[in-house]
C-alpha atoms as a PDB file:
ATOM      1  CA  MET A   1       0.000   0.000   0.000  1.00  0.00           C
ATOM      2  CA  GLN A   2       2.788   2.402   0.953  1.00  0.00           C
ATOM      3  CA  GLN A   3       4.618   1.486  -2.247  1.00  0.00           C
ATOM      4  CA  ASP A   4       1.551   2.334  -4.368  1.00  0.00           C
ATOM      5  CA  GLU A   5       1.252   5.744  -2.712  1.00  0.00           C
ATOM      6  CA  ASN A   6       4.932   6.457  -3.352  1.00  0.00           C
ATOM      7  CA  ASP A   7       4.573   5.440  -7.014  1.00  0.00           C
ATOM      8  CA  PHE A   8       1.482   7.685  -7.396  1.00  0.00           C
ATOM      9  CA  GLY A   9       3.285  10.658  -5.837  1.00  0.00           C
ATOM     10  CA  LYS A  10       6.272  10.119  -8.098  1.00  0.00           C
ATOM     11  CA  LYS A  11       4.018   9.992 -11.186  1.00  0.00           C
ATOM     12  CA  THR A  12       2.268  13.207 -10.107  1.00  0.00           C
ATOM     13  CA  GLU A  13       5.579  14.993  -9.667  1.00  0.00           C
ATOM     14  CA  ASP A  14       6.782  13.672 -13.042  1.00  0.00           C
ATOM     15  CA  ASP A  15       3.570  14.852 -14.726  1.00  0.00           C
ATOM     16  CA  ARG A  16       3.891  18.290 -13.144  1.00  0.00           C
ATOM     17  CA  TRP A  17       7.510  18.583 -14.254  1.00  0.00           C
ATOM     18  CA  GLU A  18       6.654  17.504 -17.797  1.00  0.00           C
ATOM     19  CA  ARG A  19       3.793  20.035 -17.936  1.00  0.00           C
ATOM     20  CA  LYS A  20       6.062  22.840 -16.773  1.00  0.00           C
ATOM     21  CA  ALA A  21       8.682  21.826 -19.285  1.00  0.00           C
ATOM     22  CA  LEU A  22       6.116  21.824 -22.088  1.00  0.00           C
ATOM     23  CA  GLU A  23       4.788  25.243 -20.979  1.00  0.00           C
ATOM     24  CA  THR A  24       8.326  26.649 -20.897  1.00  0.00           C
ATOM     25  CA  ILE A  25       9.058  25.314 -24.373  1.00  0.00           C
ATOM     26  CA  ALA A  26       5.741  26.654 -25.716  1.00  0.00           C
ATOM     27  CA  LEU A  27       6.274  30.111 -24.203  1.00  0.00           C
ATOM     28  CA  ALA A  28       9.812  30.215 -25.579  1.00  0.00           C
ATOM     29  CA  ALA A  29       8.496  29.308 -29.028  1.00  0.00           C
ATOM     30  CA  ILE A  30       5.819  32.020 -28.879  1.00  0.00           C
ATOM     31  CA  THR A  31       8.359  34.598 -27.695  1.00  0.00           C
ATOM     32  CA  GLU A  32      10.719  33.632 -30.500  1.00  0.00           C
ATOM     33  CA  GLN A  33       7.886  33.894 -33.060  1.00  0.00           C
ATOM     34  CA  ARG A  34       7.003  37.383 -31.824  1.00  0.00           C
ATOM     35  CA  ARG A  35      10.640  38.426 -31.902  1.00  0.00           C
ATOM     36  CA  SER A  36      11.021  37.068 -35.422  1.00  0.00           C
ATOM     37  CA  ARG A  37       7.846  38.833 -36.534  1.00  0.00           C
ATOM     38  CA  ARG A  38       9.050  42.159 -35.135  1.00  0.00           C
ATOM     39  CA  TRP A  39      12.417  41.794 -36.823  1.00  0.00           C
ATOM     40  CA  GLY A  40      10.663  40.776 -40.028  1.00  0.00           C
ATOM     41  CA  ILE A  41       8.542  43.946 -39.961  1.00  0.00           C
ATOM     42  CA  PHE A  42      11.620  46.033 -39.167  1.00  0.00           C
ATOM     43  CA  PHE A  43      13.608  44.639 -42.063  1.00  0.00           C
ATOM     44  CA  LYS A  44      10.648  45.022 -44.422  1.00  0.00           C
ATOM     45  CA  LEU A  45      10.324  48.701 -43.466  1.00  0.00           C
ATOM     46  CA  LEU A  46      14.084  49.139 -43.773  1.00  0.00           C
ATOM     47  CA  GLY A  47      14.029  47.523 -47.188  1.00  0.00           C
ATOM     48  CA  PHE A  48      11.119  49.719 -48.296  1.00  0.00           C
ATOM     49  CA  ALA A  49      12.935  52.861 -47.123  1.00  0.00           C
ATOM     50  CA  TYR A  50      16.119  51.749 -48.906  1.00  0.00           C
ATOM     51  CA  LEU A  51      14.189  51.009 -52.101  1.00  0.00           C
ATOM     52  CA  SER A  52      12.468  54.405 -51.934  1.00  0.00           C
ATOM     53  CA  LEU A  53      15.816  56.136 -51.486  1.00  0.00           C
ATOM     54  CA  ILE A  54      17.325  54.285 -54.419  1.00  0.00           C
ATOM     55  CA  LEU A  55      14.267  55.037 -56.565  1.00  0.00           C
ATOM     56  CA  ALA A  56      14.417  58.741 -55.710  1.00  0.00           C
ATOM     57  CA  PHE A  57      18.138  58.781 -56.503  1.00  0.00           C
ATOM     58  CA  VAL A  58      17.594  57.021 -59.820  1.00  0.00           C
ATOM     59  CA  ILE A  59      14.818  59.436 -60.807  1.00  0.00           C
ATOM     60  CA  ASP A  60      16.935  62.447 -59.874  1.00  0.00           C
ATOM     61  CA  TRP A  61      19.966  60.957 -61.611  1.00  0.00           C
ATOM     62  CA  GLY A  62      17.867  60.321 -64.691  1.00  0.00           C
ATOM     63  CA  GLN A  63      16.749  63.935 -64.779  1.00  0.00           C
ATOM     64  CA  THR A  64      20.333  65.074 -64.310  1.00  0.00           C
ATOM     65  CA  GLU A  65      21.425  62.831 -67.139  1.00  0.00           C
ATOM     66  CA  ARG A  66      18.736  64.215 -69.430  1.00  0.00           C
ATOM     67  CA  LEU A  67      19.749  67.787 -68.685  1.00  0.00           C
ATOM     68  CA  ALA A  68      23.505  67.314 -68.462  1.00  0.00           C
ATOM     69  CA  ASP A  69      23.935  68.090 -72.150  1.00  0.00           C
ATOM     70  CA  GLY A  70      22.527  71.599 -71.629  1.00  0.00           C
ATOM     71  CA  GLN A  71      18.966  70.781 -72.660  1.00  0.00           C
ATOM     72  CA  LYS A  72      16.538  73.483 -71.564  1.00  0.00           C
ATOM     73  CA  PHE A  73      13.085  72.897 -70.082  1.00  0.00           C
ATOM     74  CA  THR A  74       9.918  74.850 -69.316  1.00  0.00           C
ATOM     75  CA  ALA A  75       9.353  75.284 -65.595  1.00  0.00           C
ATOM     76  CA  LEU A  76       5.795  74.960 -64.308  1.00  0.00           C
ATOM     77  CA  VAL A  77       4.341  76.432 -61.107  1.00  0.00           C
ATOM     78  CA  ASN A  78       0.697  75.861 -60.202  1.00  0.00           C
ATOM     79  CA  LEU A  79      -1.447  78.423 -58.371  1.00  0.00           C
ATOM     80  CA  SER A  80      -4.684  76.636 -57.603  1.00  0.00           C
ATOM     81  CA  GLY A  81      -7.493  77.498 -55.189  1.00  0.00           C
ATOM     82  CA  VAL A  82      -8.138  80.461 -52.952  1.00  0.00           C
ATOM     83  CA  ILE A  83      -5.106  82.688 -52.393  1.00  0.00           C
ATOM     84  CA  GLN A  84      -4.759  82.834 -48.622  1.00  0.00           C
ATOM     85  CA  ASP A  85      -2.090  82.690 -45.966  1.00  0.00           C
ATOM     86  CA  ASN A  86      -3.157  79.333 -44.486  1.00  0.00           C
ATOM     87  CA  GLY A  87      -3.810  77.583 -47.799  1.00  0.00           C
ATOM     88  CA  ASP A  88      -1.608  75.857 -50.370  1.00  0.00           C
ATOM     89  CA  ALA A  89      -1.892  78.868 -52.708  1.00  0.00           C
ATOM     90  CA  ASN A  90      -0.101  81.286 -50.418  1.00  0.00           C
ATOM     91  CA  ALA A  91       2.628  83.772 -51.215  1.00  0.00           C
ATOM     92  CA  GLU A  92       5.357  81.780 -49.462  1.00  0.00           C
ATOM     93  CA  ASN A  93       4.751  78.618 -51.498  1.00  0.00           C
ATOM     94  CA  ILE A  94       4.411  80.373 -54.850  1.00  0.00           C
ATOM     95  CA  ILE A  95       7.401  82.655 -54.293  1.00  0.00           C
ATOM     96  CA  SER A  96       9.614  79.764 -53.129  1.00  0.00           C
ATOM     97  CA  ALA A  97       8.738  77.793 -56.252  1.00  0.00           C
ATOM     98  CA  LEU A  98       9.405  80.747 -58.563  1.00  0.00           C
ATOM     99  CA  GLN A  99      12.760  81.463 -56.934  1.00  0.00           C
ATOM    100  CA  ALA A 100      13.788  77.828 -57.376  1.00  0.00           C
ATOM    101  CA  VAL A 101      12.774  78.041 -61.036  1.00  0.00           C
ATOM    102  CA  TYR A 102      14.998  81.024 -61.744  1.00  0.00           C
ATOM    103  CA  GLU A 103      17.936  79.519 -59.856  1.00  0.00           C
ATOM    104  CA  ASP A 104      17.972  76.489 -62.178  1.00  0.00           C
ATOM    105  CA  LYS A 105      20.354  77.119 -65.074  1.00  0.00           C
ATOM    106  CA  HIS A 106      18.304  74.891 -67.396  1.00  0.00           C
ATOM    107  CA  THR A 107      15.145  77.005 -67.200  1.00  0.00           C
ATOM    108  CA  ALA A 108      14.202  78.317 -70.643  1.00  0.00           C
ATOM    109  CA  GLY A 109      10.928  79.874 -69.555  1.00  0.00           C
ATOM    110  CA  VAL A 110       8.280  79.766 -66.839  1.00  0.00           C
ATOM    111  CA  ILE A 111       4.583  78.962 -66.924  1.00  0.00           C
ATOM    112  CA  LEU A 112       2.440  79.979 -63.975  1.00  0.00           C
ATOM    113  CA  ARG A 113      -0.758  77.959 -64.312  1.00  0.00           C
ATOM    114  CA  ILE A 114      -3.616  79.739 -62.507  1.00  0.00           C
ATOM    115  CA  ASN A 115      -6.974  78.319 -61.528  1.00  0.00           C
ATOM    116  CA  SER A 116      -8.134  80.627 -58.733  1.00  0.00           C
ATOM    117  CA  PRO A 117     -11.218  82.695 -57.839  1.00  0.00           C
ATOM    118  CA  GLY A 118      -9.013  85.147 -55.931  1.00  0.00           C
ATOM    119  CA  GLY A 119      -8.418  85.714 -52.253  1.00  0.00           C
ATOM    120  CA  SER A 120      -6.204  87.922 -50.139  1.00  0.00           C
ATOM    121  CA  PRO A 121      -5.049  91.125 -51.888  1.00  0.00           C
ATOM    122  CA  VAL A 122      -1.993  91.124 -49.634  1.00  0.00           C
ATOM    123  CA  GLN A 123      -0.894  87.613 -50.640  1.00  0.00           C
ATOM    124  CA  ALA A 124      -1.651  88.329 -54.303  1.00  0.00           C
ATOM    125  CA  GLY A 125       0.296  91.584 -54.119  1.00  0.00           C
ATOM    126  CA  MET A 126       3.333  89.852 -52.634  1.00  0.00           C
ATOM    127  CA  ILE A 127       3.373  87.328 -55.486  1.00  0.00           C
ATOM    128  CA  ASN A 128       2.900  90.085 -58.081  1.00  0.00           C
ATOM    129  CA  ASP A 129       5.825  92.080 -56.653  1.00  0.00           C
ATOM    130  CA  GLU A 130       8.115  89.040 -56.609  1.00  0.00           C
ATOM    131  CA  ILE A 131       7.305  88.149 -60.226  1.00  0.00           C
ATOM    132  CA  HIS A 132       8.266  91.676 -61.305  1.00  0.00           C
ATOM    133  CA  ARG A 133      11.501  91.448 -59.306  1.00  0.00           C
ATOM    134  CA  LEU A 134      12.470  88.093 -60.793  1.00  0.00           C
ATOM    135  CA  ARG A 135      11.685  89.254 -64.316  1.00  0.00           C
ATOM    136  CA  ARG A 136      13.929  92.291 -63.846  1.00  0.00           C
ATOM    137  CA  LEU A 137      16.764  90.074 -62.582  1.00  0.00           C
ATOM    138  CA  HIS A 138      16.334  87.524 -65.407  1.00  0.00           C
ATOM    139  CA  PRO A 139      15.116  89.463 -68.470  1.00  0.00           C
ATOM    140  CA  THR A 140      15.977  86.620 -70.867  1.00  0.00           C
ATOM    141  CA  ILE A 141      13.660  84.108 -69.116  1.00  0.00           C
ATOM    142  CA  PRO A 142      10.009  84.805 -69.973  1.00  0.00           C
ATOM    143  CA  LEU A 143       7.171  84.127 -67.559  1.00  0.00           C
ATOM    144  CA  HIS A 144       3.729  83.437 -68.983  1.00  0.00           C
ATOM    145  CA  VAL A 145       0.424  82.723 -67.266  1.00  0.00           C
ATOM    146  CA  VAL A 146      -1.876  79.954 -68.483  1.00  0.00           C
ATOM    147  CA  VAL A 147      -5.440  80.268 -67.201  1.00  0.00           C
ATOM    148  CA  GLU A 148      -7.569  77.169 -66.852  1.00  0.00           C
ATOM    149  CA  ASP A 149     -11.118  77.459 -65.469  1.00  0.00           C
ATOM    150  CA  VAL A 150     -10.967  80.760 -63.628  1.00  0.00           C
ATOM    151  CA  CYS A 151      -8.553  83.626 -63.042  1.00  0.00           C
ATOM    152  CA  ALA A 152     -10.507  86.210 -61.093  1.00  0.00           C
ATOM    153  CA  SER A 153      -9.895  88.952 -58.555  1.00  0.00           C
ATOM    154  CA  GLY A 154      -6.645  88.121 -56.692  1.00  0.00           C
ATOM    155  CA  GLY A 155      -5.836  85.472 -59.300  1.00  0.00           C
ATOM    156  CA  TYR A 156      -5.882  88.135 -62.012  1.00  0.00           C
ATOM    157  CA  TYR A 157      -3.939  90.470 -59.708  1.00  0.00           C
ATOM    158  CA  VAL A 158      -1.119  87.900 -59.900  1.00  0.00           C
ATOM    159  CA  ALA A 159      -1.559  87.191 -63.608  1.00  0.00           C
ATOM    160  CA  VAL A 160      -0.970  90.765 -64.817  1.00  0.00           C
ATOM    161  CA  ALA A 161       2.662  90.546 -63.644  1.00  0.00           C
ATOM    162  CA  ALA A 162       3.412  88.026 -66.416  1.00  0.00           C
ATOM    163  CA  ASP A 163       4.781  88.707 -69.894  1.00  0.00           C
ATOM    164  CA  LYS A 164       1.672  87.226 -71.491  1.00  0.00           C
ATOM    165  CA  ILE A 165      -1.619  85.668 -70.358  1.00  0.00           C
ATOM    166  CA  PHE A 166      -3.044  82.688 -72.240  1.00  0.00           C
ATOM    167  CA  VAL A 167      -6.602  81.427 -71.741  1.00  0.00           C
ATOM    168  CA  ASP A 168      -9.164  78.946 -72.989  1.00  0.00           C
ATOM    169  CA  LYS A 169     -12.107  80.458 -74.842  1.00  0.00           C
ATOM    170  CA  ALA A 170     -14.408  79.404 -71.972  1.00  0.00           C
ATOM    171  CA  SER A 171     -12.137  80.495 -69.094  1.00  0.00           C
ATOM    172  CA  ILE A 172     -13.530  83.047 -66.634  1.00  0.00           C
ATOM    173  CA  VAL A 173     -11.350  86.148 -66.351  1.00  0.00           C
ATOM    174  CA  GLY A 174     -11.637  89.473 -64.534  1.00  0.00           C
ATOM    175  CA  SER A 175     -13.541  90.477 -61.403  1.00  0.00           C
ATOM    176  CA  ILE A 176     -11.326  93.524 -60.943  1.00  0.00           C
ATOM    177  CA  GLY A 177     -12.925  94.698 -57.742  1.00  0.00           C
ATOM    178  CA  VAL A 178     -12.774  94.459 -53.957  1.00  0.00           C
ATOM    179  CA  LEU A 179     -15.382  93.324 -51.465  1.00  0.00           C
ATOM    180  CA  MET A 180     -15.899  93.094 -47.733  1.00  0.00           C
ATOM    181  CA  ASP A 181     -18.723  90.797 -46.706  1.00  0.00           C
ATOM    182  CA  GLY A 182     -20.447  89.887 -43.477  1.00  0.00           C
ATOM    183  CA  PHE A 183     -23.829  89.535 -41.780  1.00  0.00           C
ATOM    184  CA  GLY A 184     -26.007  91.654 -39.510  1.00  0.00           C
ATOM    185  CA  PHE A 185     -27.985  89.952 -36.743  1.00  0.00           C
ATOM    186  CA  THR A 186     -29.568  92.942 -34.990  1.00  0.00           C
ATOM    187  CA  GLY A 187     -33.131  92.242 -36.191  1.00  0.00           C
ATOM    188  CA  THR A 188     -32.917  88.578 -35.222  1.00  0.00           C
ATOM    189  CA  MET A 189     -31.578  89.485 -31.791  1.00  0.00           C
ATOM    190  CA  GLU A 190     -34.471  91.872 -31.168  1.00  0.00           C
ATOM    191  CA  LYS A 191     -37.003  89.182 -32.068  1.00  0.00           C
ATOM    192  CA  LEU A 192     -35.317  86.710 -29.731  1.00  0.00           C
ATOM    193  CA  GLY A 193     -35.003  89.234 -26.934  1.00  0.00           C
ATOM    194  CA  VAL A 194     -31.184  89.044 -26.939  1.00  0.00           C
ATOM    195  CA  GLU A 195     -29.293  92.085 -25.677  1.00  0.00           C
ATOM    196  CA  ARG A 196     -25.856  92.805 -27.128  1.00  0.00           C
ATOM    197  CA  ARG A 197     -23.365  93.941 -24.468  1.00  0.00           C
ATOM    198  CA  LEU A 198     -20.260  95.274 -26.198  1.00  0.00           C
ATOM    199  CA  LEU A 199     -17.700  97.254 -24.233  1.00  0.00           C
ATOM    200  CA  THR A 200     -14.938  99.061 -26.140  1.00  0.00           C
ATOM    201  CA  ALA A 201     -12.131 101.516 -25.515  1.00  0.00           C
ATOM    202  CA  GLY A 202     -12.034 103.670 -28.647  1.00  0.00           C
ATOM    203  CA  GLU A 203     -15.147 105.002 -30.316  1.00  0.00           C
ATOM    204  CA  ASN A 204     -14.645 102.932 -33.483  1.00  0.00           C
ATOM    205  CA  LYS A 205     -13.471  99.682 -31.904  1.00  0.00           C
ATOM    206  CA  GLY A 206     -16.832  98.051 -32.650  1.00  0.00           C
ATOM    207  CA  PHE A 207     -16.404  98.861 -36.345  1.00  0.00           C
ATOM    208  CA  LEU A 208     -18.561  96.513 -38.473  1.00  0.00           C
ATOM    209  CA  ASP A 209     -19.536  94.373 -35.469  1.00  0.00           C
ATOM    210  CA  PRO A 210     -22.243  92.045 -36.875  1.00  0.00           C
ATOM    211  CA  PHE A 211     -24.267  92.178 -33.641  1.00  0.00           C
ATOM    212  CA  SER A 212     -24.467  95.985 -33.563  1.00  0.00           C
ATOM    213  CA  PRO A 213     -26.376  98.304 -35.919  1.00  0.00           C
ATOM    214  CA  GLN A 214     -24.319  99.603 -38.821  1.00  0.00           C
ATOM    215  CA  THR A 215     -23.753 103.338 -38.591  1.00  0.00           C
ATOM    216  CA  PRO A 216     -23.560 105.598 -41.667  1.00  0.00           C
ATOM    217  CA  GLN A 217     -20.100 106.760 -40.545  1.00  0.00           C
ATOM    218  CA  HIS A 218     -18.727 103.214 -40.362  1.00  0.00           C
ATOM    219  CA  LYS A 219     -20.239 102.289 -43.723  1.00  0.00           C
ATOM    220  CA  GLU A 220     -18.727 105.369 -45.358  1.00  0.00           C
ATOM    221  CA  TYR A 221     -15.308 104.592 -43.865  1.00  0.00           C
ATOM    222  CA  ALA A 222     -15.452 100.968 -45.079  1.00  0.00           C
ATOM    223  CA  LEU A 223     -16.373 102.095 -48.595  1.00  0.00           C
ATOM    224  CA  ARG A 224     -13.470 104.567 -48.647  1.00  0.00           C
ATOM    225  CA  MET A 225     -11.077 101.816 -47.575  1.00  0.00           C
ATOM    226  CA  LEU A 226     -12.404  99.446 -50.244  1.00  0.00           C
ATOM    227  CA  GLY A 227     -12.105 102.223 -52.816  1.00  0.00           C
ATOM    228  CA  GLU A 228      -8.458 102.730 -51.907  1.00  0.00           C
ATOM    229  CA  ILE A 229      -7.657  99.022 -52.339  1.00  0.00           C
ATOM    230  CA  HIS A 230      -9.662  98.971 -55.585  1.00  0.00           C
ATOM    231  CA  ALA A 231      -7.587 101.882 -56.915  1.00  0.00           C
ATOM    232  CA  GLN A 232      -4.412  99.933 -56.097  1.00  0.00           C
ATOM    233  CA  PHE A 233      -5.800  96.930 -58.007  1.00  0.00           C
ATOM    234  CA  ILE A 234      -6.650  99.070 -61.047  1.00  0.00           C
ATOM    235  CA  ASP A 235      -3.174 100.595 -61.031  1.00  0.00           C
ATOM    236  CA  VAL A 236      -1.562  97.140 -60.929  1.00  0.00           C
ATOM    237  CA  VAL A 237      -3.670  96.002 -63.902  1.00  0.00           C
ATOM    238  CA  ARG A 238      -2.878  99.119 -65.932  1.00  0.00           C
ATOM    239  CA  ARG A 239       0.860  98.838 -65.254  1.00  0.00           C
ATOM    240  CA  GLY A 240       0.894  95.133 -65.999  1.00  0.00           C
ATOM    241  CA  ARG A 241      -1.143  95.191 -69.216  1.00  0.00           C
ATOM    242  CA  GLY A 242      -0.085  98.612 -70.498  1.00  0.00           C
ATOM    243  CA  GLN A 243      -1.247  99.556 -73.986  1.00  0.00           C
ATOM    244  CA  ARG A 244      -2.853  96.162 -74.514  1.00  0.00           C
ATOM    245  CA  LEU A 245      -5.851  97.181 -72.387  1.00  0.00           C
ATOM    246  CA  LYS A 246      -8.935  98.390 -74.221  1.00  0.00           C
ATOM    247  CA  GLU A 247     -10.596 100.092 -71.279  1.00  0.00           C
ATOM    248  CA  THR A 248     -14.346 100.363 -70.984  1.00  0.00           C
ATOM    249  CA  PRO A 249     -16.447 101.866 -68.166  1.00  0.00           C
ATOM    250  CA  GLU A 250     -17.283  98.376 -66.876  1.00  0.00           C
ATOM    251  CA  MET A 251     -13.783  96.879 -67.059  1.00  0.00           C
ATOM    252  CA  PHE A 252     -13.021  97.696 -63.418  1.00  0.00           C
ATOM    253  CA  SER A 253     -16.559  97.212 -62.118  1.00  0.00           C
ATOM    254  CA  GLY A 254     -16.019  93.679 -60.789  1.00  0.00           C
ATOM    255  CA  LEU A 255     -17.579  91.911 -63.782  1.00  0.00           C
ATOM    256  CA  MET A 256     -16.052  88.761 -65.286  1.00  0.00           C
ATOM    257  CA  TRP A 257     -15.754  87.719 -68.911  1.00  0.00           C
ATOM    258  CA  SER A 258     -15.114  84.617 -70.960  1.00  0.00           C
ATOM    259  CA  GLY A 259     -11.627  83.897 -72.177  1.00  0.00           C
ATOM    260  CA  ALA A 260     -12.631  84.872 -75.712  1.00  0.00           C
ATOM    261  CA  LYS A 261     -13.980  88.243 -74.555  1.00  0.00           C
ATOM    262  CA  SER A 262     -10.963  88.852 -72.322  1.00  0.00           C
ATOM    263  CA  ILE A 263      -8.693  88.669 -75.375  1.00  0.00           C
ATOM    264  CA  GLU A 264     -10.828  91.246 -77.164  1.00  0.00           C
ATOM    265  CA  MET A 265     -10.593  93.557 -74.140  1.00  0.00           C
ATOM    266  CA  GLY A 266      -6.846  93.166 -73.792  1.00  0.00           C
ATOM    267  CA  LEU A 267      -7.115  91.375 -70.454  1.00  0.00           C
ATOM    268  CA  ALA A 268      -5.447  88.335 -72.049  1.00  0.00           C
ATOM    269  CA  ASP A 269      -3.167  87.806 -75.032  1.00  0.00           C
ATOM    270  CA  GLY A 270      -4.327  84.624 -76.725  1.00  0.00           C
ATOM    271  CA  TYR A 271      -5.342  80.990 -76.469  1.00  0.00           C
ATOM    272  CA  GLY A 272      -2.998  78.410 -75.051  1.00  0.00           C
ATOM    273  CA  THR A 273      -2.424  75.466 -72.748  1.00  0.00           C
ATOM    274  CA  VAL A 274       0.616  74.557 -70.690  1.00  0.00           C
ATOM    275  CA  GLU A 275       1.787  72.172 -73.404  1.00  0.00           C
ATOM    276  CA  SER A 276       1.205  74.535 -76.331  1.00  0.00           C
ATOM    277  CA  VAL A 277       2.870  77.502 -74.616  1.00  0.00           C
ATOM    278  CA  ALA A 278       5.894  75.386 -73.678  1.00  0.00           C
ATOM    279  CA  ARG A 279       6.170  73.992 -77.197  1.00  0.00           C
ATOM    280  CA  ASP A 280       5.258  76.963 -79.386  1.00  0.00           C
ATOM    281  CA  VAL A 281       6.047  80.067 -77.299  1.00  0.00           C
ATOM    282  CA  ILE A 282       8.915  79.152 -74.964  1.00  0.00           C
ATOM    283  CA  LYS A 283      10.283  76.557 -77.437  1.00  0.00           C
ATOM    284  CA  ALA A 284      11.167  74.071 -74.691  1.00  0.00           C
ATOM    285  CA  GLU A 285       8.757  71.174 -74.869  1.00  0.00           C
ATOM    286  CA  GLU A 286       9.993  69.346 -71.775  1.00  0.00           C
ATOM    287  CA  ILE A 287       8.086  70.523 -68.671  1.00  0.00           C
ATOM    288  CA  ARG A 288       9.292  70.289 -65.075  1.00  0.00           C
ATOM    289  CA  ASP A 289       6.902  70.976 -62.203  1.00  0.00           C
ATOM    290  CA  PHE A 290       8.375  73.137 -59.423  1.00  0.00           C
ATOM    291  CA  THR A 291       5.121  73.535 -57.476  1.00  0.00           C
ATOM    292  CA  VAL A 292       5.578  73.300 -53.709  1.00  0.00           C
ATOM    293  CA  LYS A 293       3.571  70.298 -52.534  1.00  0.00           C
ATOM    294  CA  PRO A 294       3.188  69.944 -48.740  1.00  0.00           C
ATOM    295  CA  ASN A 295       3.386  66.338 -47.549  1.00  0.00           C
ATOM    296  CA  ILE A 296       0.972  64.608 -45.189  1.00  0.00           C
ATOM    297  CA  ALA A 297       3.089  65.388 -42.115  1.00  0.00           C
ATOM    298  CA  GLU A 298       3.178  69.090 -42.964  1.00  0.00           C
ATOM    299  CA  LYS A 299      -0.572  69.201 -43.533  1.00  0.00           C
ATOM    300  CA  PHE A 300      -1.159  67.473 -40.197  1.00  0.00           C
ATOM    301  CA  ALA A 301       1.192  69.889 -38.442  1.00  0.00           C
ATOM    302  CA  LYS A 302      -0.578  72.868 -39.996  1.00  0.00           C
ATOM    303  CA  ARG A 303      -3.965  71.505 -38.994  1.00  0.00           C
ATOM    304  CA  LEU A 304      -2.743  70.821 -35.463  1.00  0.00           C
ATOM    305  CA  GLY A 305      -1.225  74.285 -35.247  1.00  0.00           C
ATOM    306  CA  ALA A 306      -4.447  75.862 -36.504  1.00  0.00           C
ATOM    307  CA  ASP A 307      -6.501  73.967 -33.912  1.00  0.00           C
ATOM    308  CA  MET A 308      -4.148  75.025 -31.108  1.00  0.00           C
ATOM    309  CA  ALA A 309      -4.187  78.632 -32.289  1.00  0.00           C
ATOM    310  CA  GLU A 310      -7.979  78.603 -32.430  1.00  0.00           C
ATOM    311  CA  GLY A 311      -8.114  77.315 -28.861  1.00  0.00           C
ATOM    312  CA  MET A 312      -5.788  80.077 -27.690  1.00  0.00           C
ATOM    313  CA  VAL A 313      -7.843  82.724 -29.507  1.00  0.00           C
ATOM    314  CA  ASN A 314     -11.029  81.465 -27.912  1.00  0.00           C
ATOM    315  CA  ALA A 315      -9.368  81.587 -24.501  1.00  0.00           C
ATOM    316  CA  VAL A 316      -8.426  85.250 -24.808  1.00  0.00           C
ATOM    317  CA  SER A 317     -11.273  86.411 -27.045  1.00  0.00           C
ATOM    318  CA  ARG A 318     -12.839  88.573 -24.333  1.00  0.00           C
ATOM    319  CA  VAL A 319      -9.908  91.002 -24.301  1.00  0.00           C
ATOM    320  CA  THR A 320      -8.120  91.807 -27.579  1.00  0.00           C
ATOM    321  CA  VAL A 321      -5.728  94.497 -28.727  1.00  0.00           C
ATOM    322  CA  HIS A 322      -5.212  95.160 -32.449  1.00  0.00           C
END
């Protein structure tokens, strides 16, 4: 009887030891599989990065090889969308691209492709000024604008700095005017029984506040300011287009015209696309795109920065100094 109990205890201890050994082996195998998987992912990512680097080098080398014999190309810069400081079509991006274009010794000519309804007169003015500066520094390198769907307001403000403007017959061109828009909520507030409590230091600090009644004095001041900016716009157009303009009373009224009509009025010079202008006007059929293209990380950073800035503005919105 005692012998049977001893044998049973020995078998139980043996079973427990075997189970632990199996568990240890299994855990070691799982750990090794995980480690191998992690290293596999790492080496795959490393290989992808290496391949991307090689591919980028090969592409760049290929371009260098093509241009090493002195072959000239047409440089392309795109201005697309609303011209504004926090958008892709801002002065910094466009100016950086244009400067890079003129620094390249293989540039035969420049095409600025515009598809924009306008935007900030300040941003448009900065681009216009830089185009004039670069053209003065590099008089042998022409810069032409090619209009696609629309080149209006601030877009046209930029375009008139070019040597020539080419359009499609159905393009929309013009809108040489300035606007300041907003809303007034005073009637709605009265109906809802809402009282506006605005405290200011400075009699005109509440200028154009949408929750306060518009005064004749403030309206007159705003119109004078818009008229001043409009006069600047007209002057830029006249200097840029010169004797080509066939002025009419409505030319600077804010109206827009088709591409065909804009040629008749001297707002544009002729029909053309990026390819036809490069081939037939600049005489350099090869086109290289110098447009600044923000990557995903930059867009995320800008969006994050904008959200943080908005939060800070909201936090201090009760007291502001301009």
